[in-house]
């Protein structure tokens, strides 16, 4: 069976995400003391707001990210912008880690063990989807370059199917992890 993506193809999206994580981690050292005070209040609010009520907005935000990656992959000149989504998701993870550590010190380990798995799963989904989307873009470019015919209906059917599959994957991860996180955080 042929792999959907290979190791070489995943490198750009993975690198983009890892650079984002590094930027997110060091951001805490760049912001001012006043911003750090605001950050502490915002992180505390973020932790207390992890509830089932926020599932729909989080699913919407992540599905929008998948939709943007899809649009970027279909519009060839915009395809490199798909990597910005994984970069942003990486920044989000790095910032979450550094903010929790700054705010809660040793207690942050509990929060990281609860919150980080969801973020890691979401970024993994985004990395895989970005890689597949960029592969679709490369295949489209090769077809155009070699002047081969393209079944546009089949192309859009495949990209739509991938969009639905990955949107369902994101929604499932968010739903399950929010239910678990809500329960575990209430026990801390």
Protein backbone atom coordinates (compact mmCIF):
# COMPACT_ATOMS: atom_id res chain seq x y z
CA UNK A 1 0.00 0.00 0.00
CA UNK A 2 1.34 3.40 -0.96
CA UNK A 3 1.89 5.92 1.85
CA UNK A 4 -0.10 9.12 1.62
CA UNK A 5 2.94 11.13 2.72
CA UNK A 6 6.57 10.22 3.11
CA UNK A 7 9.20 11.53 5.51
CA UNK A 8 10.63 14.03 3.04
CA UNK A 9 7.25 15.56 2.32
CA UNK A 10 6.40 16.14 5.97
CA UNK A 11 9.62 18.08 6.72
CA UNK A 12 8.38 21.58 5.67
CA UNK A 13 5.22 21.43 7.79
CA UNK A 14 7.02 19.83 10.73
CA UNK A 15 9.84 22.38 10.57
CA UNK A 16 7.32 25.22 10.41
CA UNK A 17 5.55 23.88 13.51
CA UNK A 18 8.81 23.36 15.45
CA UNK A 19 10.01 26.88 14.67
CA UNK A 20 6.63 28.11 15.88
CA UNK A 21 7.02 26.18 19.15
CA UNK A 22 10.45 27.76 19.69
CA UNK A 23 9.06 31.25 19.03
CA UNK A 24 6.19 30.56 21.43
CA UNK A 25 8.58 29.34 24.13
CA UNK A 26 10.88 32.38 23.95
CA UNK A 27 8.07 34.94 23.66
CA UNK A 28 7.64 34.95 27.45
CA UNK A 29 11.18 36.35 27.78
CA UNK A 30 10.50 39.17 25.34
CA UNK A 31 7.32 40.66 26.77
CA UNK A 32 7.34 43.45 29.35
CA UNK A 33 6.66 43.05 33.07
CA UNK A 34 3.19 44.61 32.65
CA UNK A 35 2.39 42.14 29.87
CA UNK A 36 3.53 39.29 32.11
CA UNK A 37 1.10 40.45 34.81
CA UNK A 38 -1.71 40.51 32.23
CA UNK A 39 -0.58 37.12 30.98
CA UNK A 40 -0.88 35.62 34.45
CA UNK A 41 -4.47 36.88 34.73
CA UNK A 42 -5.30 35.66 31.22
CA UNK A 43 -3.83 32.20 31.80
CA UNK A 44 -5.78 31.83 35.03
CA UNK A 45 -8.92 32.84 33.13
CA UNK A 46 -8.05 30.43 30.29
CA UNK A 47 -7.75 27.54 32.75
CA UNK A 48 -11.07 28.36 34.43
CA UNK A 49 -12.79 28.76 31.03
CA UNK A 50 -11.96 25.24 29.87
CA UNK A 51 -15.50 24.05 29.77
CA UNK A 52 -17.80 22.16 27.50
CA UNK A 53 -19.38 25.51 26.49
CA UNK A 54 -16.22 26.44 24.56
CA UNK A 55 -16.14 23.31 22.38
CA UNK A 56 -18.07 24.85 19.49
CA UNK A 57 -15.83 27.92 19.21
CA UNK A 58 -12.68 25.79 19.33
CA UNK A 59 -14.03 23.40 16.69
CA UNK A 60 -14.92 26.41 14.53
CA UNK A 61 -11.45 27.95 14.87
CA UNK A 62 -9.66 24.71 14.02
CA UNK A 63 -12.00 23.88 11.15
CA UNK A 64 -11.34 27.38 9.82
CA UNK A 65 -7.60 26.57 9.94
CA UNK A 66 -8.24 23.44 7.88
CA UNK A 67 -10.39 25.44 5.46
CA UNK A 68 -7.59 28.01 5.04
CA UNK A 69 -5.06 25.26 4.36
CA UNK A 70 -7.47 23.85 1.77
CA UNK A 71 -7.91 27.22 0.05
CA UNK A 72 -4.17 27.85 0.13
CA UNK A 73 -3.50 24.48 -1.48
CA UNK A 74 -6.06 25.02 -4.24
CA UNK A 75 -4.84 28.53 -5.10
CA UNK A 76 -1.30 27.66 -6.19
CA UNK A 77 0.39 31.03 -5.48
CA UNK A 78 -0.97 30.92 -1.91
CA UNK A 79 0.13 27.34 -1.17
CA UNK A 80 3.21 28.31 0.92
CA UNK A 81 0.86 30.15 3.28
CA UNK A 82 -0.44 26.78 4.46
CA UNK A 83 2.82 26.48 6.40
CA UNK A 84 1.87 29.62 8.36
CA UNK A 85 -1.03 27.72 9.90
CA UNK A 86 1.30 25.06 11.30
CA UNK A 87 3.71 27.82 12.38
CA UNK A 88 0.86 29.54 14.28
CA UNK A 89 -0.21 26.27 15.90
CA UNK A 90 3.42 25.76 16.98
CA UNK A 91 3.54 29.24 18.50
CA UNK A 92 0.32 28.43 20.36
CA UNK A 93 1.87 25.30 21.90
CA UNK A 94 5.14 27.02 22.83
CA UNK A 95 3.30 29.99 24.32
CA UNK A 96 0.96 27.70 26.26
CA UNK A 97 3.91 25.84 27.77
CA UNK A 98 5.92 28.94 28.69
CA UNK A 99 2.85 30.80 30.00
CA UNK A 100 1.74 27.93 32.20
CA UNK A 101 5.25 27.49 33.59
CA UNK A 102 5.56 31.23 34.22
CA UNK A 103 2.15 31.44 35.91
CA UNK A 104 1.96 28.21 37.88
CA UNK A 105 5.63 27.21 38.27
CA UNK A 106 5.71 23.60 39.53
CA UNK A 107 1.92 23.24 39.48
CA UNK A 108 2.09 23.83 35.70
CA UNK A 109 3.15 20.19 35.24
CA UNK A 110 -0.39 19.08 36.09
CA UNK A 111 -1.91 21.55 33.65
CA UNK A 112 0.58 20.65 30.92
CA UNK A 113 -0.19 16.95 31.30
CA UNK A 114 -3.89 17.77 30.89
CA UNK A 115 -3.76 20.41 28.13
CA UNK A 116 -0.71 19.50 26.03
CA UNK A 117 -1.91 16.16 24.60
CA UNK A 118 -4.83 17.87 22.84
CA UNK A 119 -2.59 20.57 21.38
CA UNK A 120 -0.05 17.98 20.23
CA UNK A 121 -2.77 15.92 18.55
CA UNK A 122 -4.21 19.02 16.86
CA UNK A 123 -0.85 20.16 15.53
CA UNK A 124 -0.10 16.62 14.32
CA UNK A 125 -3.38 16.66 12.40
CA UNK A 126 -2.53 20.09 10.96
CA UNK A 127 0.98 18.96 9.97
CA UNK A 128 -0.38 15.88 8.19
CA UNK A 129 -3.15 17.86 6.49
CA UNK A 130 -0.75 20.60 5.41
CA UNK A 131 1.62 17.99 4.00
CA UNK A 132 -1.15 16.24 2.06
CA UNK A 133 -2.46 19.59 0.80
CA UNK A 134 0.98 20.69 -0.37
CA UNK A 135 1.39 17.33 -2.08
CA UNK A 136 -1.88 17.95 -3.90
CA UNK A 137 -0.58 21.38 -4.92
CA UNK A 138 2.70 19.89 -6.20
CA UNK A 139 0.79 17.29 -8.20
CA UNK A 140 -1.39 20.02 -9.67
CA UNK A 141 1.67 22.05 -10.63
CA UNK A 142 3.27 19.01 -12.28
CA UNK A 143 0.09 18.32 -14.27
CA UNK A 144 -0.03 21.92 -15.48
CA UNK A 145 3.70 21.99 -16.19
CA UNK A 146 3.56 18.76 -18.23
CA UNK A 147 0.37 19.94 -19.97
CA UNK A 148 -1.54 16.88 -18.88
CA UNK A 149 -5.29 16.91 -18.55
CA UNK A 150 -6.77 17.37 -15.14
CA UNK A 151 -10.09 16.00 -13.99
CA UNK A 152 -11.03 19.06 -11.98
CA UNK A 153 -14.15 17.40 -10.58
CA UNK A 154 -12.11 14.49 -9.20
CA UNK A 155 -9.49 16.89 -7.84
CA UNK A 156 -12.06 18.92 -5.91
CA UNK A 157 -13.87 15.78 -4.78
CA UNK A 158 -10.63 14.45 -3.25
CA UNK A 159 -9.70 17.73 -1.60
CA UNK A 160 -13.27 18.07 -0.24
CA UNK A 161 -13.18 14.54 1.13
CA UNK A 162 -9.86 15.24 2.86
CA UNK A 163 -11.30 18.45 4.29
CA UNK A 164 -14.28 16.56 5.75
CA UNK A 165 -12.12 13.74 7.14
CA UNK A 166 -9.66 16.09 8.82
CA UNK A 167 -12.44 18.36 10.12
CA UNK A 168 -14.06 15.34 11.74
CA UNK A 169 -10.69 14.31 13.20
CA UNK A 170 -10.15 17.79 14.67
CA UNK A 171 -13.70 17.92 16.05
CA UNK A 172 -13.32 14.49 17.65
CA UNK A 173 -10.00 15.39 19.29
CA UNK A 174 -11.43 18.65 20.62
CA UNK A 175 -14.62 17.05 21.90
CA UNK A 176 -12.95 14.16 23.70
CA UNK A 177 -10.05 16.17 25.09
CA UNK A 178 -12.28 18.99 26.33
CA UNK A 179 -14.49 16.53 28.16
CA UNK A 180 -11.44 14.91 29.75
CA UNK A 181 -9.73 18.26 30.48
CA UNK A 182 -12.85 19.71 32.07
CA UNK A 183 -13.12 16.72 34.37
CA UNK A 184 -9.41 16.62 35.28
CA UNK A 185 -9.04 20.36 35.84
CA UNK A 186 -12.04 20.34 38.18
CA UNK A 187 -10.10 17.83 40.30
CA UNK A 188 -7.01 20.07 40.68
